[in-house]
Amino acid sequence: MLIFLPRKSQAVLPKIFIMLEHQKKVLLGVANNPRRFRKEIVKSLVWLSDEESEALYYWVKKEFGSNYSQILSEVFLGMSV
């Protein structure tokens, strides 16, 4: 019988934020391509809850706001944060 234990990083995160952390990694990986970066943010907003989307907004703004302010304005335009 095999027992699977959660990875350390997953064990300390509430379950709902696991997808958020995954999307952060994806965004870091495509950050050098504005078109793919925008596409991944849009996909993230479809998959994530409102709470996760708000957290993603603040994280993306902090990490990439200086480089992608136009994209962030367009994508997060309808969000009330």
PDB file of N, CA and C in Angstrom:
ATOM      1  N   MET A   1       0.839  -1.171   0.000  1.00  0.00           N
ATOM      2  CA  MET A   1       0.000   0.000   0.000  1.00  0.00           C
ATOM      3  C   MET A   1       0.888   1.239   0.000  1.00  0.00           C
ATOM      4  N   LEU A   2       0.623   2.144  -0.935  1.00  0.00           N
ATOM      5  CA  LEU A   2       1.372   3.389  -1.018  1.00  0.00           C
ATOM      6  C   LEU A   2       0.594   4.506  -0.343  1.00  0.00           C
ATOM      7  N   ILE A   3       1.300   5.332   0.376  1.00  0.00           N
ATOM      8  CA  ILE A   3       0.676   6.499   1.004  1.00  0.00           C
ATOM      9  C   ILE A   3       1.340   7.729   0.418  1.00  0.00           C
ATOM     10  N   PHE A   4       0.544   8.605  -0.148  1.00  0.00           N
ATOM     11  CA  PHE A   4       1.075   9.830  -0.733  1.00  0.00           C
ATOM     12  C   PHE A   4       0.898  10.973   0.246  1.00  0.00           C
ATOM     13  N   LEU A   5       1.989  11.577   0.599  1.00  0.00           N
ATOM     14  CA  LEU A   5       1.950  12.736   1.479  1.00  0.00           C
ATOM     15  C   LEU A   5       2.065  13.995   0.636  1.00  0.00           C
ATOM     16  N   PRO A   6       1.360  15.050   1.018  1.00  0.00           N
ATOM     17  CA  PRO A   6       1.478  16.285   0.241  1.00  0.00           C
ATOM     18  C   PRO A   6       2.881  16.855   0.356  1.00  0.00           C
ATOM     19  N   ARG A   7       3.305  17.530  -0.720  1.00  0.00           N
ATOM     20  CA  ARG A   7       4.593  18.211  -0.653  1.00  0.00           C
ATOM     21  C   ARG A   7       4.527  19.276   0.418  1.00  0.00           C
ATOM     22  N   LYS A   8       5.672  19.609   0.952  1.00  0.00           N
ATOM     23  CA  LYS A   8       5.727  20.568   2.050  1.00  0.00           C
ATOM     24  C   LYS A   8       5.029  21.878   1.683  1.00  0.00           C
ATOM     25  N   SER A   9       5.260  22.386   0.477  1.00  0.00           N
ATOM     26  CA  SER A   9       4.660  23.658   0.086  1.00  0.00           C
ATOM     27  C   SER A   9       3.138  23.566   0.022  1.00  0.00           C
ATOM     28  N   GLN A  10       2.617  22.413  -0.366  1.00  0.00           N
ATOM     29  CA  GLN A  10       1.173  22.252  -0.445  1.00  0.00           C
ATOM     30  C   GLN A  10       0.557  22.042   0.933  1.00  0.00           C
ATOM     31  N   ALA A  11       1.302  21.483   1.842  1.00  0.00           N
ATOM     32  CA  ALA A  11       0.759  21.189   3.162  1.00  0.00           C
ATOM     33  C   ALA A  11       0.438  22.455   3.943  1.00  0.00           C
ATOM     34  N   VAL A  12       1.179  23.522   3.718  1.00  0.00           N
ATOM     35  CA  VAL A  12       0.948  24.741   4.480  1.00  0.00           C
ATOM     36  C   VAL A  12      -0.023  25.689   3.796  1.00  0.00           C
ATOM     37  N   LEU A  13      -0.341  25.462   2.536  1.00  0.00           N
ATOM     38  CA  LEU A  13      -1.270  26.327   1.823  1.00  0.00           C
ATOM     39  C   LEU A  13      -2.696  25.814   1.959  1.00  0.00           C
ATOM     40  N   PRO A  14      -3.651  26.735   2.121  1.00  0.00           N
ATOM     41  CA  PRO A  14      -5.042  26.286   2.027  1.00  0.00           C
ATOM     42  C   PRO A  14      -5.265  25.699   0.633  1.00  0.00           C
ATOM     43  N   LYS A  15      -6.105  24.716   0.547  1.00  0.00           N
ATOM     44  CA  LYS A  15      -6.292  23.988  -0.708  1.00  0.00           C
ATOM     45  C   LYS A  15      -6.662  24.901  -1.880  1.00  0.00           C
ATOM     46  N   ILE A  16      -7.447  25.945  -1.615  1.00  0.00           N
ATOM     47  CA  ILE A  16      -7.878  26.787  -2.727  1.00  0.00           C
ATOM     48  C   ILE A  16      -6.735  27.565  -3.356  1.00  0.00           C
ATOM     49  N   PHE A  17      -5.652  27.774  -2.637  1.00  0.00           N
ATOM     50  CA  PHE A  17      -4.564  28.577  -3.174  1.00  0.00           C
ATOM     51  C   PHE A  17      -3.524  27.763  -3.948  1.00  0.00           C
ATOM     52  N   ILE A  18      -3.699  26.469  -4.046  1.00  0.00           N
ATOM     53  CA  ILE A  18      -2.748  25.643  -4.790  1.00  0.00           C
ATOM     54  C   ILE A  18      -2.762  26.025  -6.272  1.00  0.00           C
ATOM     55  N   MET A  19      -3.937  26.230  -6.855  1.00  0.00           N
ATOM     56  CA  MET A  19      -4.031  26.628  -8.261  1.00  0.00           C
ATOM     57  C   MET A  19      -3.431  28.015  -8.470  1.00  0.00           C
ATOM     58  N   LEU A  20      -3.627  28.903  -7.515  1.00  0.00           N
ATOM     59  CA  LEU A  20      -3.043  30.242  -7.598  1.00  0.00           C
ATOM     60  C   LEU A  20      -1.521  30.159  -7.657  1.00  0.00           C
ATOM     61  N   GLU A  21      -0.938  29.356  -6.802  1.00  0.00           N
ATOM     62  CA  GLU A  21       0.520  29.203  -6.797  1.00  0.00           C
ATOM     63  C   GLU A  21       1.013  28.590  -8.107  1.00  0.00           C
ATOM     64  N   HIS A  22       0.236  27.663  -8.648  1.00  0.00           N
ATOM     65  CA  HIS A  22       0.588  27.073  -9.948  1.00  0.00           C
ATOM     66  C   HIS A  22       0.596  28.151 -11.032  1.00  0.00           C
ATOM     67  N   GLN A  23      -0.420  28.979 -11.062  1.00  0.00           N
ATOM     68  CA  GLN A  23      -0.509  30.019 -12.082  1.00  0.00           C
ATOM     69  C   GLN A  23       0.601  31.052 -11.936  1.00  0.00           C
ATOM     70  N   LYS A  24       1.027  31.320 -10.717  1.00  0.00           N
ATOM     71  CA  LYS A  24       2.157  32.234 -10.516  1.00  0.00           C
ATOM     72  C   LYS A  24       3.408  31.668 -11.181  1.00  0.00           C
ATOM     73  N   LYS A  25       3.629  30.368 -11.017  1.00  0.00           N
ATOM     74  CA  LYS A  25       4.790  29.725 -11.645  1.00  0.00           C
ATOM     75  C   LYS A  25       4.699  29.799 -13.168  1.00  0.00           C
ATOM     76  N   VAL A  26       3.501  29.573 -13.688  1.00  0.00           N
ATOM     77  CA  VAL A  26       3.302  29.651 -15.139  1.00  0.00           C
ATOM     78  C   VAL A  26       3.606  31.064 -15.627  1.00  0.00           C
ATOM     79  N   LEU A  27       3.094  32.066 -14.923  1.00  0.00           N
ATOM     80  CA  LEU A  27       3.320  33.454 -15.332  1.00  0.00           C
ATOM     81  C   LEU A  27       4.797  33.831 -15.273  1.00  0.00           C
ATOM     82  N   LEU A  28       5.488  33.350 -14.275  1.00  0.00           N
ATOM     83  CA  LEU A  28       6.929  33.596 -14.204  1.00  0.00           C
ATOM     84  C   LEU A  28       7.639  32.977 -15.407  1.00  0.00           C
ATOM     85  N   GLY A  29       7.143  31.840 -15.857  1.00  0.00           N
ATOM     86  CA  GLY A  29       7.754  31.150 -16.986  1.00  0.00           C
ATOM     87  C   GLY A  29       7.510  31.805 -18.335  1.00  0.00           C
ATOM     88  N   VAL A  30       6.406  32.532 -18.471  1.00  0.00           N
ATOM     89  CA  VAL A  30       6.082  33.168 -19.756  1.00  0.00           C
ATOM     90  C   VAL A  30       6.257  34.683 -19.714  1.00  0.00           C
ATOM     91  N   ALA A  31       6.860  35.190 -18.672  1.00  0.00           N
ATOM     92  CA  ALA A  31       6.977  36.638 -18.472  1.00  0.00           C
ATOM     93  C   ALA A  31       7.776  37.339 -19.569  1.00  0.00           C
ATOM     94  N   ASN A  32       8.580  36.610 -20.308  1.00  0.00           N
ATOM     95  CA  ASN A  32       9.374  37.235 -21.366  1.00  0.00           C
ATOM     96  C   ASN A  32       8.612  37.373 -22.683  1.00  0.00           C
ATOM     97  N   ASN A  33       7.376  36.881 -22.730  1.00  0.00           N
ATOM     98  CA  ASN A  33       6.567  36.929 -23.944  1.00  0.00           C
ATOM     99  C   ASN A  33       5.235  37.615 -23.617  1.00  0.00           C
ATOM    100  N   PRO A  34       5.076  38.894 -23.974  1.00  0.00           N
ATOM    101  CA  PRO A  34       3.868  39.639 -23.601  1.00  0.00           C
ATOM    102  C   PRO A  34       2.561  38.983 -24.043  1.00  0.00           C
ATOM    103  N   ARG A  35       2.557  38.401 -25.232  1.00  0.00           N
ATOM    104  CA  ARG A  35       1.334  37.772 -25.744  1.00  0.00           C
ATOM    105  C   ARG A  35       0.930  36.558 -24.900  1.00  0.00           C
ATOM    106  N   ARG A  36       1.894  35.700 -24.612  1.00  0.00           N
ATOM    107  CA  ARG A  36       1.609  34.515 -23.787  1.00  0.00           C
ATOM    108  C   ARG A  36       1.297  34.917 -22.350  1.00  0.00           C
ATOM    109  N   PHE A  37       1.969  35.945 -21.849  1.00  0.00           N
ATOM    110  CA  PHE A  37       1.729  36.444 -20.498  1.00  0.00           C
ATOM    111  C   PHE A  37       0.268  36.878 -20.351  1.00  0.00           C
ATOM    112  N   ARG A  38      -0.203  37.659 -21.314  1.00  0.00           N
ATOM    113  CA  ARG A  38      -1.599  38.125 -21.287  1.00  0.00           C
ATOM    114  C   ARG A  38      -2.561  36.936 -21.354  1.00  0.00           C
ATOM    115  N   LYS A  39      -2.273  36.008 -22.261  1.00  0.00           N
ATOM    116  CA  LYS A  39      -3.125  34.825 -22.434  1.00  0.00           C
ATOM    117  C   LYS A  39      -3.224  34.026 -21.136  1.00  0.00           C
ATOM    118  N   GLU A  40      -2.111  33.851 -20.441  1.00  0.00           N
ATOM    119  CA  GLU A  40      -2.109  33.086 -19.188  1.00  0.00           C
ATOM    120  C   GLU A  40      -2.850  33.815 -18.069  1.00  0.00           C
ATOM    121  N   ILE A  41      -2.774  35.133 -18.040  1.00  0.00           N
ATOM    122  CA  ILE A  41      -3.540  35.870 -17.028  1.00  0.00           C
ATOM    123  C   ILE A  41      -5.031  35.681 -17.267  1.00  0.00           C
ATOM    124  N   VAL A  42      -5.446  35.794 -18.521  1.00  0.00           N
ATOM    125  CA  VAL A  42      -6.867  35.615 -18.849  1.00  0.00           C
ATOM    126  C   VAL A  42      -7.326  34.210 -18.462  1.00  0.00           C
ATOM    127  N   LYS A  43      -6.535  33.193 -18.796  1.00  0.00           N
ATOM    128  CA  LYS A  43      -6.883  31.821 -18.412  1.00  0.00           C
ATOM    129  C   LYS A  43      -6.958  31.682 -16.892  1.00  0.00           C
ATOM    130  N   SER A  44      -6.041  32.321 -16.202  1.00  0.00           N
ATOM    131  CA  SER A  44      -6.025  32.259 -14.737  1.00  0.00           C
ATOM    132  C   SER A  44      -7.322  32.800 -14.156  1.00  0.00           C
ATOM    133  N   LEU A  45      -7.794  33.910 -14.699  1.00  0.00           N
ATOM    134  CA  LEU A  45      -9.012  34.527 -14.171  1.00  0.00           C
ATOM    135  C   LEU A  45     -10.240  33.652 -14.393  1.00  0.00           C
ATOM    136  N   VAL A  46     -10.203  32.827 -15.428  1.00  0.00           N
ATOM    137  CA  VAL A  46     -11.312  31.895 -15.672  1.00  0.00           C
ATOM    138  C   VAL A  46     -11.301  30.785 -14.625  1.00  0.00           C
ATOM    139  N   TRP A  47     -10.123  30.286 -14.285  1.00  0.00           N
ATOM    140  CA  TRP A  47     -10.001  29.141 -13.382  1.00  0.00           C
ATOM    141  C   TRP A  47     -10.087  29.501 -11.908  1.00  0.00           C
ATOM    142  N   LEU A  48      -9.621  30.687 -11.541  1.00  0.00           N
ATOM    143  CA  LEU A  48      -9.484  31.020 -10.125  1.00  0.00           C
ATOM    144  C   LEU A  48     -10.768  31.596  -9.544  1.00  0.00           C
ATOM    145  N   SER A  49     -10.914  31.444  -8.238  1.00  0.00           N
ATOM    146  CA  SER A  49     -12.044  32.047  -7.533  1.00  0.00           C
ATOM    147  C   SER A  49     -11.838  33.554  -7.469  1.00  0.00           C
ATOM    148  N   ASP A  50     -12.859  34.287  -7.038  1.00  0.00           N
ATOM    149  CA  ASP A  50     -12.744  35.740  -6.905  1.00  0.00           C
ATOM    150  C   ASP A  50     -11.634  36.119  -5.935  1.00  0.00           C
ATOM    151  N   GLU A  51     -11.548  35.398  -4.841  1.00  0.00           N
ATOM    152  CA  GLU A  51     -10.520  35.668  -3.832  1.00  0.00           C
ATOM    153  C   GLU A  51      -9.117  35.427  -4.404  1.00  0.00           C
ATOM    154  N   GLU A  52      -8.965  34.335  -5.127  1.00  0.00           N
ATOM    155  CA  GLU A  52      -7.673  34.024  -5.745  1.00  0.00           C
ATOM    156  C   GLU A  52      -7.330  35.030  -6.846  1.00  0.00           C
ATOM    157  N   SER A  53      -8.338  35.447  -7.607  1.00  0.00           N
ATOM    158  CA  SER A  53      -8.112  36.426  -8.671  1.00  0.00           C
ATOM    159  C   SER A  53      -7.628  37.750  -8.104  1.00  0.00           C
ATOM    160  N   GLU A  54      -8.196  38.141  -6.989  1.00  0.00           N
ATOM    161  CA  GLU A  54      -7.762  39.383  -6.341  1.00  0.00           C
ATOM    162  C   GLU A  54      -6.319  39.259  -5.857  1.00  0.00           C
ATOM    163  N   ALA A  55      -5.992  38.122  -5.266  1.00  0.00           N
ATOM    164  CA  ALA A  55      -4.616  37.888  -4.817  1.00  0.00           C
ATOM    165  C   ALA A  55      -3.664  37.880  -6.016  1.00  0.00           C
ATOM    166  N   LEU A  56      -4.087  37.276  -7.126  1.00  0.00           N
ATOM    167  CA  LEU A  56      -3.265  37.260  -8.335  1.00  0.00           C
ATOM    168  C   LEU A  56      -3.042  38.678  -8.851  1.00  0.00           C
ATOM    169  N   TYR A  57      -4.089  39.487  -8.837  1.00  0.00           N
ATOM    170  CA  TYR A  57      -3.976  40.878  -9.291  1.00  0.00           C
ATOM    171  C   TYR A  57      -2.882  41.617  -8.533  1.00  0.00           C
ATOM    172  N   TYR A  58      -2.919  41.540  -7.210  1.00  0.00           N
ATOM    173  CA  TYR A  58      -1.925  42.258  -6.412  1.00  0.00           C
ATOM    174  C   TYR A  58      -0.520  41.700  -6.626  1.00  0.00           C
ATOM    175  N   TRP A  59      -0.407  40.394  -6.769  1.00  0.00           N
ATOM    176  CA  TRP A  59       0.904  39.780  -6.998  1.00  0.00           C
ATOM    177  C   TRP A  59       1.467  40.187  -8.360  1.00  0.00           C
ATOM    178  N   VAL A  60       0.635  40.094  -9.411  1.00  0.00           N
ATOM    179  CA  VAL A  60       1.084  40.440 -10.760  1.00  0.00           C
ATOM    180  C   VAL A  60       1.448  41.922 -10.833  1.00  0.00           C
ATOM    181  N   LYS A  61       0.645  42.750 -10.193  1.00  0.00           N
ATOM    182  CA  LYS A  61       0.924  44.191 -10.196  1.00  0.00           C
ATOM    183  C   LYS A  61       2.275  44.477  -9.532  1.00  0.00           C
ATOM    184  N   LYS A  62       2.547  43.799  -8.433  1.00  0.00           N
ATOM    185  CA  LYS A  62       3.813  43.986  -7.714  1.00  0.00           C
ATOM    186  C   LYS A  62       4.990  43.466  -8.532  1.00  0.00           C
ATOM    187  N   GLU A  63       4.847  42.275  -9.099  1.00  0.00           N
ATOM    188  CA  GLU A  63       5.954  41.629  -9.808  1.00  0.00           C
ATOM    189  C   GLU A  63       6.201  42.184 -11.213  1.00  0.00           C
ATOM    190  N   PHE A  64       5.134  42.526 -11.926  1.00  0.00           N
ATOM    191  CA  PHE A  64       5.265  42.867 -13.343  1.00  0.00           C
ATOM    192  C   PHE A  64       4.662  44.215 -13.717  1.00  0.00           C
ATOM    193  N   GLY A  65       4.189  44.966 -12.750  1.00  0.00           N
ATOM    194  CA  GLY A  65       3.507  46.232 -13.030  1.00  0.00           C
ATOM    195  C   GLY A  65       4.316  47.206 -13.859  1.00  0.00           C
ATOM    196  N   SER A  66       5.603  47.266 -13.628  1.00  0.00           N
ATOM    197  CA  SER A  66       6.427  48.221 -14.375  1.00  0.00           C
ATOM    198  C   SER A  66       6.616  47.795 -15.831  1.00  0.00           C
ATOM    199  N   ASN A  67       6.636  46.511 -16.101  1.00  0.00           N
ATOM    200  CA  ASN A  67       6.847  46.020 -17.469  1.00  0.00           C
ATOM    201  C   ASN A  67       5.555  45.862 -18.266  1.00  0.00           C
ATOM    202  N   TYR A  68       4.492  45.473 -17.597  1.00  0.00           N
ATOM    203  CA  TYR A  68       3.257  45.130 -18.300  1.00  0.00           C
ATOM    204  C   TYR A  68       2.051  45.925 -17.802  1.00  0.00           C
ATOM    205  N   SER A  69       2.243  47.195 -17.497  1.00  0.00           N
ATOM    206  CA  SER A  69       1.140  47.991 -16.952  1.00  0.00           C
ATOM    207  C   SER A  69      -0.038  48.073 -17.924  1.00  0.00           C
ATOM    208  N   GLN A  70       0.233  48.168 -19.228  1.00  0.00           N
ATOM    209  CA  GLN A  70      -0.845  48.248 -20.216  1.00  0.00           C
ATOM    210  C   GLN A  70      -1.656  46.947 -20.244  1.00  0.00           C
ATOM    211  N   ILE A  71      -0.987  45.827 -20.258  1.00  0.00           N
ATOM    212  CA  ILE A  71      -1.671  44.530 -20.267  1.00  0.00           C
ATOM    213  C   ILE A  71      -2.501  44.365 -18.999  1.00  0.00           C
ATOM    214  N   LEU A  72      -1.932  44.710 -17.858  1.00  0.00           N
ATOM    215  CA  LEU A  72      -2.650  44.569 -16.592  1.00  0.00           C
ATOM    216  C   LEU A  72      -3.885  45.461 -16.562  1.00  0.00           C
ATOM    217  N   SER A  73      -3.767  46.676 -17.076  1.00  0.00           N
ATOM    218  CA  SER A  73      -4.922  47.578 -17.127  1.00  0.00           C
ATOM    219  C   SER A  73      -6.035  46.992 -17.982  1.00  0.00           C
ATOM    220  N   GLU A  74      -5.668  46.419 -19.116  1.00  0.00           N
ATOM    221  CA  GLU A  74      -6.666  45.835 -20.017  1.00  0.00           C
ATOM    222  C   GLU A  74      -7.334  44.609 -19.408  1.00  0.00           C
ATOM    223  N   VAL A  75      -6.537  43.713 -18.858  1.00  0.00           N
ATOM    224  CA  VAL A  75      -7.065  42.440 -18.362  1.00  0.00           C
ATOM    225  C   VAL A  75      -7.877  42.623 -17.087  1.00  0.00           C
ATOM    226  N   PHE A  76      -7.395  43.452 -16.188  1.00  0.00           N
ATOM    227  CA  PHE A  76      -8.054  43.616 -14.898  1.00  0.00           C
ATOM    228  C   PHE A  76      -9.006  44.806 -14.871  1.00  0.00           C
ATOM    229  N   LEU A  77      -9.342  45.364 -16.019  1.00  0.00           N
ATOM    230  CA  LEU A  77     -10.189  46.549 -16.101  1.00  0.00           C
ATOM    231  C   LEU A  77     -11.518  46.384 -15.375  1.00  0.00           C
ATOM    232  N   GLY A  78     -12.177  45.262 -15.567  1.00  0.00           N
ATOM    233  CA  GLY A  78     -13.487  45.048 -14.979  1.00  0.00           C
ATOM    234  C   GLY A  78     -13.470  44.612 -13.530  1.00  0.00           C
ATOM    235  N   MET A  79     -12.287  44.374 -13.002  1.00  0.00           N
ATOM    236  CA  MET A  79     -12.181  43.889 -11.621  1.00  0.00           C
ATOM    237  C   MET A  79     -12.279  45.043 -10.647  1.00  0.00           C
ATOM    238  N   SER A  80     -13.086  44.894  -9.626  1.00  0.00           N
ATOM    239  CA  SER A  80     -13.195  45.946  -8.611  1.00  0.00           C
ATOM    240  C   SER A  80     -12.364  45.556  -7.400  1.00  0.00           C
ATOM    241  N   VAL A  81     -11.117  45.998  -7.384  1.00  0.00           N
ATOM    242  CA  VAL A  81     -10.214  45.722  -6.258  1.00  0.00           C
ATOM    243  C   VAL A  81      -9.745  47.021  -5.652  1.00  0.00           C
TER     244      VAL A  81
END
